[in-house]
Amino acid sequence: QMPAFFSVKKSILSLFANGRTTGVVLETGASVTQVVPISEGYT
Protein backbone atom coordinates (compact mmCIF):
# COMPACT_ATOMS: atom_id res chain seq x y z
CA GLN A 1 0.00 0.00 0.00
CA MET A 2 2.75 2.47 -0.90
CA PRO A 3 0.91 5.51 -2.31
CA ALA A 4 3.67 7.00 -4.49
CA PHE A 5 7.24 6.65 -5.72
CA PHE A 6 9.72 9.46 -6.33
CA SER A 7 13.19 8.95 -7.76
CA VAL A 8 15.97 11.42 -6.96
CA LYS A 9 19.75 11.42 -7.40
CA LYS A 10 21.93 10.97 -4.32
CA SER A 11 23.89 14.13 -5.15
CA ILE A 12 20.77 16.29 -4.91
CA LEU A 13 19.85 14.68 -1.57
CA SER A 14 23.37 15.37 -0.27
CA LEU A 15 23.04 19.02 -1.19
CA PHE A 16 19.56 19.28 0.37
CA ALA A 17 20.84 17.61 3.56
CA ASN A 18 23.25 20.51 3.93
CA GLY A 19 20.47 23.07 3.55
CA ARG A 20 21.37 24.17 0.02
CA THR A 21 19.67 23.95 -3.36
CA THR A 22 22.60 25.12 -5.51
CA GLY A 23 26.15 23.82 -5.42
CA VAL A 24 28.67 21.30 -6.69
CA VAL A 25 28.80 17.75 -5.30
CA LEU A 26 31.83 15.46 -5.64
CA GLU A 27 30.74 11.79 -5.68
CA THR A 28 33.48 9.18 -5.35
CA GLY A 29 32.66 5.50 -5.60
CA ALA A 30 34.63 2.30 -6.08
CA SER A 31 35.23 2.85 -9.79
CA VAL A 32 33.86 6.26 -10.79
CA THR A 33 34.24 9.85 -9.56
CA GLN A 34 31.71 12.47 -10.66
CA VAL A 35 31.48 16.22 -10.27
CA VAL A 36 27.77 17.07 -10.25
CA PRO A 37 26.72 20.73 -10.56
CA ILE A 38 23.22 21.44 -9.23
CA SER A 39 21.22 24.64 -9.69
CA GLU A 40 18.04 25.25 -7.68
CA GLY A 41 17.58 21.49 -7.12
CA TYR A 42 18.14 20.45 -10.74
CA THR A 43 21.20 18.57 -12.01
Full PDB file with SEQRES, HELIX, SHEET, SSBOND, CRYST1, ORIGX, SCALE, CONECT and MASTER records, all heavy atoms in Angstrom:
SEQRES   1 A   43  GLN MET PRO ALA PHE PHE SER VAL LYS LYS SER ILE LEU          
SEQRES   2 A   43  SER LEU PHE ALA ASN GLY ARG THR THR GLY VAL VAL LEU          
SEQRES   3 A   43  GLU THR GLY ALA SER VAL THR GLN VAL VAL PRO ILE SER          
SEQRES   4 A   43  GLU GLY TYR THR                                              
HELIX    1 AA1 LYS A   10  ALA A   17  1                                   8    
SHEET    1 AA1 2 GLY A  23  THR A  28  0                                        
SHEET    2 AA1 2 THR A  33  ILE A  38 -1                                        
CRYST1    1.000    1.000    1.000  90.00  90.00  90.00 P 1           1          
ORIGX1      1.000000  0.000000  0.000000        0.00000                         
ORIGX2      0.000000  1.000000  0.000000        0.00000                         
ORIGX3      0.000000  0.000000  1.000000        0.00000                         
SCALE1      1.000000  0.000000  0.000000        0.00000                         
SCALE2      0.000000  1.000000  0.000000        0.00000                         
SCALE3      0.000000  0.000000  1.000000        0.00000                         
ATOM      1  N   GLN A   1       0.808  -1.218   0.000  1.00  0.00           N  
ATOM      2  CA  GLN A   1       0.000   0.000   0.000  1.00  0.00           C  
ATOM      3  C   GLN A   1       0.847   1.277   0.000  1.00  0.00           C  
ATOM      4  O   GLN A   1       0.549   2.251   0.674  1.00  0.00           O  
ATOM      5  CB  GLN A   1      -0.969   0.025   1.193  1.00  0.00           C  
ATOM      6  CG  GLN A   1      -2.129  -0.934   1.076  1.00  0.00           C  
ATOM      7  CD  GLN A   1      -1.755  -2.366   1.392  1.00  0.00           C  
ATOM      8  OE1 GLN A   1      -0.985  -2.627   2.294  1.00  0.00           O  
ATOM      9  NE2 GLN A   1      -2.293  -3.301   0.638  1.00  0.00           N  
ATOM     10  N   MET A   2       1.930   1.267  -0.761  1.00  0.00           N  
ATOM     11  CA  MET A   2       2.746   2.468  -0.905  1.00  0.00           C  
ATOM     12  C   MET A   2       2.026   3.408  -1.876  1.00  0.00           C  
ATOM     13  O   MET A   2       1.718   3.007  -2.998  1.00  0.00           O  
ATOM     14  CB  MET A   2       4.133   2.110  -1.455  1.00  0.00           C  
ATOM     15  CG  MET A   2       5.084   3.287  -1.494  1.00  0.00           C  
ATOM     16  SD  MET A   2       6.759   2.753  -1.839  1.00  0.00           S  
ATOM     17  CE  MET A   2       6.847   3.067  -3.589  1.00  0.00           C  
ATOM     18  N   PRO A   3       1.723   4.641  -1.468  1.00  0.00           N  
ATOM     19  CA  PRO A   3       0.906   5.514  -2.306  1.00  0.00           C  
ATOM     20  C   PRO A   3       1.637   6.136  -3.497  1.00  0.00           C  
ATOM     21  O   PRO A   3       1.020   6.464  -4.501  1.00  0.00           O  
ATOM     22  CB  PRO A   3       0.448   6.604  -1.347  1.00  0.00           C  
ATOM     23  CG  PRO A   3       1.492   6.630  -0.293  1.00  0.00           C  
ATOM     24  CD  PRO A   3       2.013   5.235  -0.179  1.00  0.00           C  
ATOM     25  N   ALA A   4       2.964   6.310  -3.402  1.00  0.00           N  
ATOM     26  CA  ALA A   4       3.668   6.999  -4.488  1.00  0.00           C  
ATOM     27  C   ALA A   4       5.142   6.606  -4.484  1.00  0.00           C  
ATOM     28  O   ALA A   4       5.650   6.057  -3.514  1.00  0.00           O  
ATOM     29  CB  ALA A   4       3.532   8.505  -4.323  1.00  0.00           C  
ATOM     30  N   PHE A   5       5.812   6.910  -5.580  1.00  0.00           N  
ATOM     31  CA  PHE A   5       7.243   6.645  -5.724  1.00  0.00           C  
ATOM     32  C   PHE A   5       7.889   7.864  -6.358  1.00  0.00           C  
ATOM     33  O   PHE A   5       7.362   8.411  -7.327  1.00  0.00           O  
ATOM     34  CB  PHE A   5       7.467   5.416  -6.606  1.00  0.00           C  
ATOM     35  CG  PHE A   5       8.916   5.148  -6.898  1.00  0.00           C  
ATOM     36  CD1 PHE A   5       9.724   4.552  -5.957  1.00  0.00           C  
ATOM     37  CD2 PHE A   5       9.457   5.503  -8.121  1.00  0.00           C  
ATOM     38  CE1 PHE A   5      11.058   4.306  -6.222  1.00  0.00           C  
ATOM     39  CE2 PHE A   5      10.789   5.262  -8.404  1.00  0.00           C  
ATOM     40  CZ  PHE A   5      11.592   4.661  -7.449  1.00  0.00           C  
ATOM     41  N   PHE A   6       9.003   8.301  -5.799  1.00  0.00           N  
ATOM     42  CA  PHE A   6       9.715   9.456  -6.331  1.00  0.00           C  
ATOM     43  C   PHE A   6      11.191   9.112  -6.401  1.00  0.00           C  
ATOM     44  O   PHE A   6      11.789   8.683  -5.424  1.00  0.00           O  
ATOM     45  CB  PHE A   6       9.502  10.680  -5.444  1.00  0.00           C  
ATOM     46  CG  PHE A   6      10.138  11.925  -5.963  1.00  0.00           C  
ATOM     47  CD1 PHE A   6       9.605  12.589  -7.053  1.00  0.00           C  
ATOM     48  CD2 PHE A   6      11.282  12.426  -5.383  1.00  0.00           C  
ATOM     49  CE1 PHE A   6      10.196  13.734  -7.543  1.00  0.00           C  
ATOM     50  CE2 PHE A   6      11.884  13.569  -5.867  1.00  0.00           C  
ATOM     51  CZ  PHE A   6      11.333  14.222  -6.947  1.00  0.00           C  
ATOM     52  N   SER A   7      11.781   9.267  -7.563  1.00  0.00           N  
ATOM     53  CA  SER A   7      13.191   8.951  -7.758  1.00  0.00           C  
ATOM     54  C   SER A   7      14.007  10.240  -7.754  1.00  0.00           C  
ATOM     55  O   SER A   7      13.627  11.220  -8.395  1.00  0.00           O  
ATOM     56  CB  SER A   7      13.370   8.234  -9.097  1.00  0.00           C  
ATOM     57  OG  SER A   7      14.725   7.992  -9.340  1.00  0.00           O  
ATOM     58  N   VAL A   8      15.125  10.230  -7.026  1.00  0.00           N  
ATOM     59  CA  VAL A   8      15.970  11.419  -6.956  1.00  0.00           C  
ATOM     60  C   VAL A   8      17.425  10.975  -6.856  1.00  0.00           C  
ATOM     61  O   VAL A   8      17.731   9.937  -6.276  1.00  0.00           O  
ATOM     62  CB  VAL A   8      15.564  12.314  -5.761  1.00  0.00           C  
ATOM     63  CG1 VAL A   8      15.773  11.611  -4.459  1.00  0.00           C  
ATOM     64  CG2 VAL A   8      16.273  13.637  -5.783  1.00  0.00           C  
ATOM     65  N   LYS A   9      18.324  11.743  -7.445  1.00  0.00           N  
ATOM     66  CA  LYS A   9      19.746  11.417  -7.398  1.00  0.00           C  
ATOM     67  C   LYS A   9      20.321  11.680  -6.013  1.00  0.00           C  
ATOM     68  O   LYS A   9      19.928  12.604  -5.325  1.00  0.00           O  
ATOM     69  CB  LYS A   9      20.521  12.243  -8.432  1.00  0.00           C  
ATOM     70  CG  LYS A   9      20.278  11.803  -9.867  1.00  0.00           C  
ATOM     71  CD  LYS A   9      21.172  12.525 -10.856  1.00  0.00           C  
ATOM     72  CE  LYS A   9      22.623  12.238 -10.753  1.00  0.00           C  
ATOM     73  NZ  LYS A   9      23.087  10.895 -11.039  1.00  0.00           N  
ATOM     74  N   LYS A  10      21.294  10.842  -5.637  1.00  0.00           N  
ATOM     75  CA  LYS A  10      21.932  10.975  -4.325  1.00  0.00           C  
ATOM     76  C   LYS A  10      22.628  12.321  -4.165  1.00  0.00           C  
ATOM     77  O   LYS A  10      22.673  12.876  -3.078  1.00  0.00           O  
ATOM     78  CB  LYS A  10      22.941   9.849  -4.121  1.00  0.00           C  
ATOM     79  CG  LYS A  10      22.311   8.496  -3.917  1.00  0.00           C  
ATOM     80  CD  LYS A  10      23.350   7.450  -3.628  1.00  0.00           C  
ATOM     81  CE  LYS A  10      24.029   7.059  -4.915  1.00  0.00           C  
ATOM     82  NZ  LYS A  10      24.966   5.948  -4.770  1.00  0.00           N  
ATOM     83  N   SER A  11      23.177  12.853  -5.246  1.00  0.00           N  
ATOM     84  CA  SER A  11      23.893  14.128  -5.147  1.00  0.00           C  
ATOM     85  C   SER A  11      22.950  15.266  -4.747  1.00  0.00           C  
ATOM     86  O   SER A  11      23.323  16.139  -3.958  1.00  0.00           O  
ATOM     87  CB  SER A  11      24.595  14.449  -6.464  1.00  0.00           C  
ATOM     88  OG  SER A  11      23.686  14.432  -7.532  1.00  0.00           O  
ATOM     89  N   ILE A  12      21.739  15.255  -5.262  1.00  0.00           N  
ATOM     90  CA  ILE A  12      20.765  16.288  -4.908  1.00  0.00           C  
ATOM     91  C   ILE A  12      20.378  16.149  -3.435  1.00  0.00           C  
ATOM     92  O   ILE A  12      20.293  17.135  -2.704  1.00  0.00           O  
ATOM     93  CB  ILE A  12      19.522  16.224  -5.819  1.00  0.00           C  
ATOM     94  CG1 ILE A  12      19.911  16.590  -7.249  1.00  0.00           C  
ATOM     95  CG2 ILE A  12      18.415  17.129  -5.310  1.00  0.00           C  
ATOM     96  CD1 ILE A  12      18.796  16.445  -8.255  1.00  0.00           C  
ATOM     97  N   LEU A  13      20.186  14.900  -2.977  1.00  0.00           N  
ATOM     98  CA  LEU A  13      19.849  14.682  -1.570  1.00  0.00           C  
ATOM     99  C   LEU A  13      20.978  15.135  -0.654  1.00  0.00           C  
ATOM    100  O   LEU A  13      20.737  15.686   0.421  1.00  0.00           O  
ATOM    101  CB  LEU A  13      19.530  13.211  -1.323  1.00  0.00           C  
ATOM    102  CG  LEU A  13      18.246  12.690  -1.972  1.00  0.00           C  
ATOM    103  CD1 LEU A  13      18.099  11.200  -1.692  1.00  0.00           C  
ATOM    104  CD2 LEU A  13      17.037  13.453  -1.489  1.00  0.00           C  
ATOM    105  N   SER A  14      22.229  14.922  -1.071  1.00  0.00           N  
ATOM    106  CA  SER A  14      23.374  15.367  -0.272  1.00  0.00           C  
ATOM    107  C   SER A  14      23.377  16.884  -0.125  1.00  0.00           C  
ATOM    108  O   SER A  14      23.641  17.421   0.949  1.00  0.00           O  
ATOM    109  CB  SER A  14      24.678  14.922  -0.926  1.00  0.00           C  
ATOM    110  OG  SER A  14      24.776  13.534  -0.958  1.00  0.00           O  
ATOM    111  N   LEU A  15      23.079  17.564  -1.217  1.00  0.00           N  
ATOM    112  CA  LEU A  15      23.042  19.022  -1.186  1.00  0.00           C  
ATOM    113  C   LEU A  15      21.895  19.509  -0.297  1.00  0.00           C  
ATOM    114  O   LEU A  15      22.078  20.400   0.541  1.00  0.00           O  
ATOM    115  CB  LEU A  15      22.891  19.555  -2.607  1.00  0.00           C  
ATOM    116  CG  LEU A  15      23.361  20.963  -2.878  1.00  0.00           C  
ATOM    117  CD1 LEU A  15      24.839  21.111  -2.573  1.00  0.00           C  
ATOM    118  CD2 LEU A  15      23.106  21.338  -4.320  1.00  0.00           C  
ATOM    119  N   PHE A  16      20.716  18.907  -0.450  1.00  0.00           N  
ATOM    120  CA  PHE A  16      19.558  19.279   0.370  1.00  0.00           C  
ATOM    121  C   PHE A  16      19.831  19.026   1.849  1.00  0.00           C  
ATOM    122  O   PHE A  16      19.382  19.782   2.711  1.00  0.00           O  
ATOM    123  CB  PHE A  16      18.313  18.518  -0.058  1.00  0.00           C  
ATOM    124  CG  PHE A  16      17.701  18.986  -1.354  1.00  0.00           C  
ATOM    125  CD1 PHE A  16      16.665  18.287  -1.932  1.00  0.00           C  
ATOM    126  CD2 PHE A  16      18.146  20.130  -2.003  1.00  0.00           C  
ATOM    127  CE1 PHE A  16      16.087  18.701  -3.118  1.00  0.00           C  
ATOM    128  CE2 PHE A  16      17.580  20.553  -3.189  1.00  0.00           C  
ATOM    129  CZ  PHE A  16      16.542  19.844  -3.742  1.00  0.00           C  
ATOM    130  N   ALA A  17      20.542  17.935   2.162  1.00  0.00           N  
ATOM    131  CA  ALA A  17      20.838  17.605   3.562  1.00  0.00           C  
ATOM    132  C   ALA A  17      21.702  18.671   4.216  1.00  0.00           C  
ATOM    133  O   ALA A  17      21.698  18.817   5.439  1.00  0.00           O  
ATOM    134  CB  ALA A  17      21.533  16.254   3.641  1.00  0.00           C  
ATOM    135  N   ASN A  18      22.426  19.433   3.402  1.00  0.00           N  
ATOM    136  CA  ASN A  18      23.252  20.511   3.925  1.00  0.00           C  
ATOM    137  C   ASN A  18      22.560  21.867   3.826  1.00  0.00           C  
ATOM    138  O   ASN A  18      23.201  22.912   3.972  1.00  0.00           O  
ATOM    139  CB  ASN A  18      24.588  20.542   3.184  1.00  0.00           C  
ATOM    140  CG  ASN A  18      25.470  19.405   3.622  1.00  0.00           C  
ATOM    141  OD1 ASN A  18      25.933  19.392   4.752  1.00  0.00           O  
ATOM    142  ND2 ASN A  18      25.662  18.431   2.746  1.00  0.00           N  
ATOM    143  N   GLY A  19      21.262  21.844   3.546  1.00  0.00           N  
ATOM    144  CA  GLY A  19      20.472  23.071   3.547  1.00  0.00           C  
ATOM    145  C   GLY A  19      20.690  23.954   2.333  1.00  0.00           C  
ATOM    146  O   GLY A  19      20.459  25.155   2.402  1.00  0.00           O  
ATOM    147  N   ARG A  20      21.116  23.374   1.235  1.00  0.00           N  
ATOM    148  CA  ARG A  20      21.371  24.165   0.023  1.00  0.00           C  
ATOM    149  C   ARG A  20      20.613  23.580  -1.163  1.00  0.00           C  
ATOM    150  O   ARG A  20      20.322  22.389  -1.202  1.00  0.00           O  
ATOM    151  CB  ARG A  20      22.859  24.189  -0.294  1.00  0.00           C  
ATOM    152  CG  ARG A  20      23.680  24.768   0.834  1.00  0.00           C  
ATOM    153  CD  ARG A  20      25.140  24.858   0.462  1.00  0.00           C  
ATOM    154  NE  ARG A  20      25.934  25.341   1.564  1.00  0.00           N  
ATOM    155  CZ  ARG A  20      26.109  26.608   1.861  1.00  0.00           C  
ATOM    156  NH1 ARG A  20      25.521  27.544   1.147  1.00  0.00           N  
ATOM    157  NH2 ARG A  20      26.862  26.955   2.882  1.00  0.00           N  
ATOM    158  N   THR A  21      20.316  24.421  -2.131  1.00  0.00           N  
ATOM    159  CA  THR A  21      19.673  23.953  -3.363  1.00  0.00           C  
ATOM    160  C   THR A  21      20.568  24.130  -4.572  1.00  0.00           C  
ATOM    161  O   THR A  21      20.282  23.611  -5.636  1.00  0.00           O  
ATOM    162  CB  THR A  21      18.351  24.703  -3.612  1.00  0.00           C  
ATOM    163  OG1 THR A  21      18.621  26.102  -3.693  1.00  0.00           O  
ATOM    164  CG2 THR A  21      17.352  24.429  -2.506  1.00  0.00           C  
ATOM    165  N   THR A  22      21.656  24.874  -4.420  1.00  0.00           N  
ATOM    166  CA  THR A  22      22.597  25.120  -5.506  1.00  0.00           C  
ATOM    167  C   THR A  22      24.007  24.841  -5.002  1.00  0.00           C  
ATOM    168  O   THR A  22      24.365  25.254  -3.902  1.00  0.00           O  
ATOM    169  CB  THR A  22      22.500  26.574  -6.004  1.00  0.00           C  
ATOM    170  OG1 THR A  22      21.169  26.804  -6.480  1.00  0.00           O  
ATOM    171  CG2 THR A  22      23.479  26.844  -7.122  1.00  0.00           C  
ATOM    172  N   GLY A  23      24.775  24.122  -5.810  1.00  0.00           N  
ATOM    173  CA  GLY A  23      26.152  23.825  -5.424  1.00  0.00           C  
ATOM    174  C   GLY A  23      26.765  22.781  -6.326  1.00  0.00           C  
ATOM    175  O   GLY A  23      26.193  22.392  -7.340  1.00  0.00           O  
ATOM    176  N   VAL A  24      27.955  22.330  -5.947  1.00  0.00           N  
ATOM    177  CA  VAL A  24      28.671  21.296  -6.688  1.00  0.00           C  
ATOM    178  C   VAL A  24      28.951  20.150  -5.726  1.00  0.00           C  
ATOM    179  O   VAL A  24      29.449  20.358  -4.621  1.00  0.00           O  
ATOM    180  CB  VAL A  24      29.995  21.835  -7.264  1.00  0.00           C  
ATOM    181  CG1 VAL A  24      30.771  20.734  -7.962  1.00  0.00           C  
ATOM    182  CG2 VAL A  24      29.723  22.980  -8.224  1.00  0.00           C  
ATOM    183  N   VAL A  25      28.617  18.930  -6.136  1.00  0.00           N  
ATOM    184  CA  VAL A  25      28.801  17.751  -5.300  1.00  0.00           C  
ATOM    185  C   VAL A  25      29.842  16.853  -5.952  1.00  0.00           C  
ATOM    186  O   VAL A  25      29.773  16.581  -7.151  1.00  0.00           O  
ATOM    187  CB  VAL A  25      27.473  16.978  -5.134  1.00  0.00           C  
ATOM    188  CG1 VAL A  25      27.675  15.710  -4.327  1.00  0.00           C  
ATOM    189  CG2 VAL A  25      26.425  17.859  -4.488  1.00  0.00           C  
ATOM    190  N   LEU A  26      30.818  16.397  -5.170  1.00  0.00           N  
ATOM    191  CA  LEU A  26      31.826  15.457  -5.637  1.00  0.00           C  
ATOM    192  C   LEU A  26      31.442  14.079  -5.120  1.00  0.00           C  
ATOM    193  O   LEU A  26      31.408  13.848  -3.917  1.00  0.00           O  
ATOM    194  CB  LEU A  26      33.212  15.844  -5.123  1.00  0.00           C  
ATOM    195  CG  LEU A  26      34.345  14.907  -5.512  1.00  0.00           C  
ATOM    196  CD1 LEU A  26      34.582  14.965  -7.024  1.00  0.00           C  
ATOM    197  CD2 LEU A  26      35.603  15.262  -4.757  1.00  0.00           C  
ATOM    198  N   GLU A  27      31.119  13.153  -6.035  1.00  0.00           N  
ATOM    199  CA  GLU A  27      30.742  11.789  -5.678  1.00  0.00           C  
ATOM    200  C   GLU A  27      31.888  10.866  -6.056  1.00  0.00           C  
ATOM    201  O   GLU A  27      32.291  10.811  -7.211  1.00  0.00           O  
ATOM    202  CB  GLU A  27      29.504  11.336  -6.451  1.00  0.00           C  
ATOM    203  CG  GLU A  27      28.226  12.009  -6.085  1.00  0.00           C  
ATOM    204  CD  GLU A  27      27.047  11.453  -6.879  1.00  0.00           C  
ATOM    205  OE1 GLU A  27      27.246  10.588  -7.743  1.00  0.00           O  
ATOM    206  OE2 GLU A  27      25.925  11.898  -6.624  1.00  0.00           O  
ATOM    207  N   THR A  28      32.409  10.136  -5.075  1.00  0.00           N  
ATOM    208  CA  THR A  28      33.476   9.184  -5.354  1.00  0.00           C  
ATOM    209  C   THR A  28      33.017   7.809  -4.933  1.00  0.00           C  
ATOM    210  O   THR A  28      32.643   7.597  -3.779  1.00  0.00           O  
ATOM    211  CB  THR A  28      34.764   9.552  -4.589  1.00  0.00           C  
ATOM    212  OG1 THR A  28      35.145  10.872  -4.973  1.00  0.00           O  
ATOM    213  CG2 THR A  28      35.886   8.609  -4.926  1.00  0.00           C  
ATOM    214  N   GLY A  29      33.047   6.873  -5.880  1.00  0.00           N  
ATOM    215  CA  GLY A  29      32.660   5.500  -5.597  1.00  0.00           C  
ATOM    216  C   GLY A  29      33.845   4.576  -5.779  1.00  0.00           C  
ATOM    217  O   GLY A  29      35.003   5.007  -5.800  1.00  0.00           O  
ATOM    218  N   ALA A  30      33.578   3.290  -5.928  1.00  0.00           N  
ATOM    219  CA  ALA A  30      34.634   2.303  -6.081  1.00  0.00           C  
ATOM    220  C   ALA A  30      35.348   2.444  -7.418  1.00  0.00           C  
ATOM    221  O   ALA A  30      36.559   2.265  -7.505  1.00  0.00           O  
ATOM    222  CB  ALA A  30      34.059   0.898  -5.952  1.00  0.00           C  
ATOM    223  N   SER A  31      34.611   2.801  -8.459  1.00  0.00           N  
ATOM    224  CA  SER A  31      35.229   2.847  -9.786  1.00  0.00           C  
ATOM    225  C   SER A  31      35.032   4.160 -10.538  1.00  0.00           C  
ATOM    226  O   SER A  31      35.669   4.377 -11.565  1.00  0.00           O  
ATOM    227  CB  SER A  31      34.695   1.705 -10.646  1.00  0.00           C  
ATOM    228  OG  SER A  31      33.296   1.825 -10.784  1.00  0.00           O  
ATOM    229  N   VAL A  32      34.165   5.025 -10.060  1.00  0.00           N  
ATOM    230  CA  VAL A  32      33.859   6.263 -10.785  1.00  0.00           C  
ATOM    231  C   VAL A  32      33.829   7.452  -9.826  1.00  0.00           C  
ATOM    232  O   VAL A  32      33.347   7.345  -8.705  1.00  0.00           O  
ATOM    233  CB  VAL A  32      32.489   6.159 -11.495  1.00  0.00           C  
ATOM    234  CG1 VAL A  32      32.121   7.452 -12.186  1.00  0.00           C  
ATOM    235  CG2 VAL A  32      32.485   5.026 -12.500  1.00  0.00           C  
ATOM    236  N   THR A  33      34.347   8.587 -10.284  1.00  0.00           N  
ATOM    237  CA  THR A  33      34.243   9.846  -9.563  1.00  0.00           C  
ATOM    238  C   THR A  33      33.492  10.822 -10.453  1.00  0.00           C  
ATOM    239  O   THR A  33      33.793  10.938 -11.640  1.00  0.00           O  
ATOM    240  CB  THR A  33      35.637  10.406  -9.219  1.00  0.00           C  
ATOM    241  OG1 THR A  33      36.284   9.475  -8.357  1.00  0.00           O  
ATOM    242  CG2 THR A  33      35.542  11.752  -8.527  1.00  0.00           C  
ATOM    243  N   GLN A  34      32.504  11.515  -9.891  1.00  0.00           N  
ATOM    244  CA  GLN A  34      31.708  12.472 -10.656  1.00  0.00           C  
ATOM    245  C   GLN A  34      31.690  13.819  -9.956  1.00  0.00           C  
ATOM    246  O   GLN A  34      31.635  13.889  -8.727  1.00  0.00           O  
ATOM    247  CB  GLN A  34      30.262  12.002 -10.793  1.00  0.00           C  
ATOM    248  CG  GLN A  34      30.064  10.809 -11.677  1.00  0.00           C  
ATOM    249  CD  GLN A  34      28.592  10.462 -11.818  1.00  0.00           C  
ATOM    250  OE1 GLN A  34      27.805  10.625 -10.890  1.00  0.00           O  
ATOM    251  NE2 GLN A  34      28.221   9.987 -12.993  1.00  0.00           N  
ATOM    252  N   VAL A  35      31.704  14.863 -10.761  1.00  0.00           N  
ATOM    253  CA  VAL A  35      31.480  16.217 -10.274  1.00  0.00           C  
ATOM    254  C   VAL A  35      30.107  16.606 -10.800  1.00  0.00           C  
ATOM    255  O   VAL A  35      29.891  16.662 -12.010  1.00  0.00           O  
ATOM    256  CB  VAL A  35      32.569  17.194 -10.783  1.00  0.00           C  
ATOM    257  CG1 VAL A  35      32.274  18.602 -10.307  1.00  0.00           C  
ATOM    258  CG2 VAL A  35      33.935  16.739 -10.323  1.00  0.00           C  
ATOM    259  N   VAL A  36      29.166  16.835  -9.875  1.00  0.00           N  
ATOM    260  CA  VAL A  36      27.771  17.069 -10.250  1.00  0.00           C  
ATOM    261  C   VAL A  36      27.365  18.492  -9.872  1.00  0.00           C  
ATOM    262  O   VAL A  36      27.185  18.789  -8.693  1.00  0.00           O  
ATOM    263  CB  VAL A  36      26.842  16.054  -9.552  1.00  0.00           C  
ATOM    264  CG1 VAL A  36      25.406  16.231 -10.014  1.00  0.00           C  
ATOM    265  CG2 VAL A  36      27.308  14.633  -9.784  1.00  0.00           C  
ATOM    266  N   PRO A  37      27.212  19.378 -10.866  1.00  0.00           N  
ATOM    267  CA  PRO A  37      26.715  20.725 -10.557  1.00  0.00           C  
ATOM    268  C   PRO A  37      25.185  20.709 -10.461  1.00  0.00           C  
ATOM    269  O   PRO A  37      24.511  20.083 -11.269  1.00  0.00           O  
ATOM    270  CB  PRO A  37      27.184  21.557 -11.754  1.00  0.00           C  
ATOM    271  CG  PRO A  37      27.301  20.580 -12.863  1.00  0.00           C  
ATOM    272  CD  PRO A  37      27.613  19.248 -12.248  1.00  0.00           C  
ATOM    273  N   ILE A  38      24.662  21.407  -9.452  1.00  0.00           N  
ATOM    274  CA  ILE A  38      23.223  21.443  -9.226  1.00  0.00           C  
ATOM    275  C   ILE A  38      22.797  22.899  -9.053  1.00  0.00           C  
ATOM    276  O   ILE A  38      23.419  23.650  -8.307  1.00  0.00           O  
ATOM    277  CB  ILE A  38      22.851  20.626  -7.978  1.00  0.00           C  
ATOM    278  CG1 ILE A  38      23.283  19.171  -8.180  1.00  0.00           C  
ATOM    279  CG2 ILE A  38      21.362  20.716  -7.683  1.00  0.00           C  
ATOM    280  CD1 ILE A  38      23.211  18.325  -6.946  1.00  0.00           C  
ATOM    281  N   SER A  39      21.746  23.278  -9.769  1.00  0.00           N  
ATOM    282  CA  SER A  39      21.224  24.636  -9.687  1.00  0.00           C  
ATOM    283  C   SER A  39      19.754  24.589  -9.306  1.00  0.00           C  
ATOM    284  O   SER A  39      18.941  23.992 -10.032  1.00  0.00           O  
ATOM    285  CB  SER A  39      21.398  25.352 -11.025  1.00  0.00           C  
ATOM    286  OG  SER A  39      20.841  26.642 -10.971  1.00  0.00           O  
ATOM    287  N   GLU A  40      19.415  25.189  -8.179  1.00  0.00           N  
ATOM    288  CA  GLU A  40      18.036  25.247  -7.682  1.00  0.00           C  
ATOM    289  C   GLU A  40      17.371  23.867  -7.660  1.00  0.00           C  
ATOM    290  O   GLU A  40      16.210  23.717  -8.017  1.00  0.00           O  
ATOM    291  CB  GLU A  40      17.207  26.229  -8.513  1.00  0.00           C  
ATOM    292  CG  GLU A  40      17.692  27.661  -8.453  1.00  0.00           C  
ATOM    293  CD  GLU A  40      17.682  28.233  -7.039  1.00  0.00           C  
ATOM    294  OE1 GLU A  40      16.758  27.920  -6.274  1.00  0.00           O  
ATOM    295  OE2 GLU A  40      18.618  28.979  -6.711  1.00  0.00           O  
ATOM    296  N   GLY A  41      18.126  22.833  -7.261  1.00  0.00           N  
ATOM    297  CA  GLY A  41      17.582  21.490  -7.120  1.00  0.00           C  
ATOM    298  C   GLY A  41      17.582  20.656  -8.380  1.00  0.00           C  
ATOM    299  O   GLY A  41      17.113  19.523  -8.368  1.00  0.00           O  
ATOM    300  N   TYR A  42      18.102  21.182  -9.476  1.00  0.00           N  
ATOM    301  CA  TYR A  42      18.136  20.447 -10.743  1.00  0.00           C  
ATOM    302  C   TYR A  42      19.582  20.184 -11.151  1.00  0.00           C  
ATOM    303  O   TYR A  42      20.416  21.086 -11.138  1.00  0.00           O  
ATOM    304  CB  TYR A  42      17.427  21.234 -11.855  1.00  0.00           C  
ATOM    305  CG  TYR A  42      15.949  21.359 -11.631  1.00  0.00           C  
ATOM    306  CD1 TYR A  42      15.419  22.502 -11.038  1.00  0.00           C  
ATOM    307  CD2 TYR A  42      15.080  20.341 -11.988  1.00  0.00           C  
ATOM    308  CE1 TYR A  42      14.061  22.622 -10.806  1.00  0.00           C  
ATOM    309  CE2 TYR A  42      13.714  20.451 -11.768  1.00  0.00           C  
ATOM    310  CZ  TYR A  42      13.213  21.595 -11.179  1.00  0.00           C  
ATOM    311  OH  TYR A  42      11.864  21.706 -10.959  1.00  0.00           O  
ATOM    312  N   THR A  43      19.864  18.933 -11.542  1.00  0.00           N  
ATOM    313  CA  THR A  43      21.202  18.568 -12.007  1.00  0.00           C  
ATOM    314  C   THR A  43      21.446  19.182 -13.378  1.00  0.00           C  
ATOM    315  O   THR A  43      20.599  19.089 -14.272  1.00  0.00           O  
ATOM    316  CB  THR A  43      21.331  17.036 -12.108  1.00  0.00           C  
ATOM    317  OG1 THR A  43      21.065  16.478 -10.826  1.00  0.00           O  
ATOM    318  CG2 THR A  43      22.719  16.635 -12.552  1.00  0.00           C  
TER     319      THR A  43                                                      
MASTER        0    0    0    1    2    0    0    6  318    1    0    4          
END                                                                             
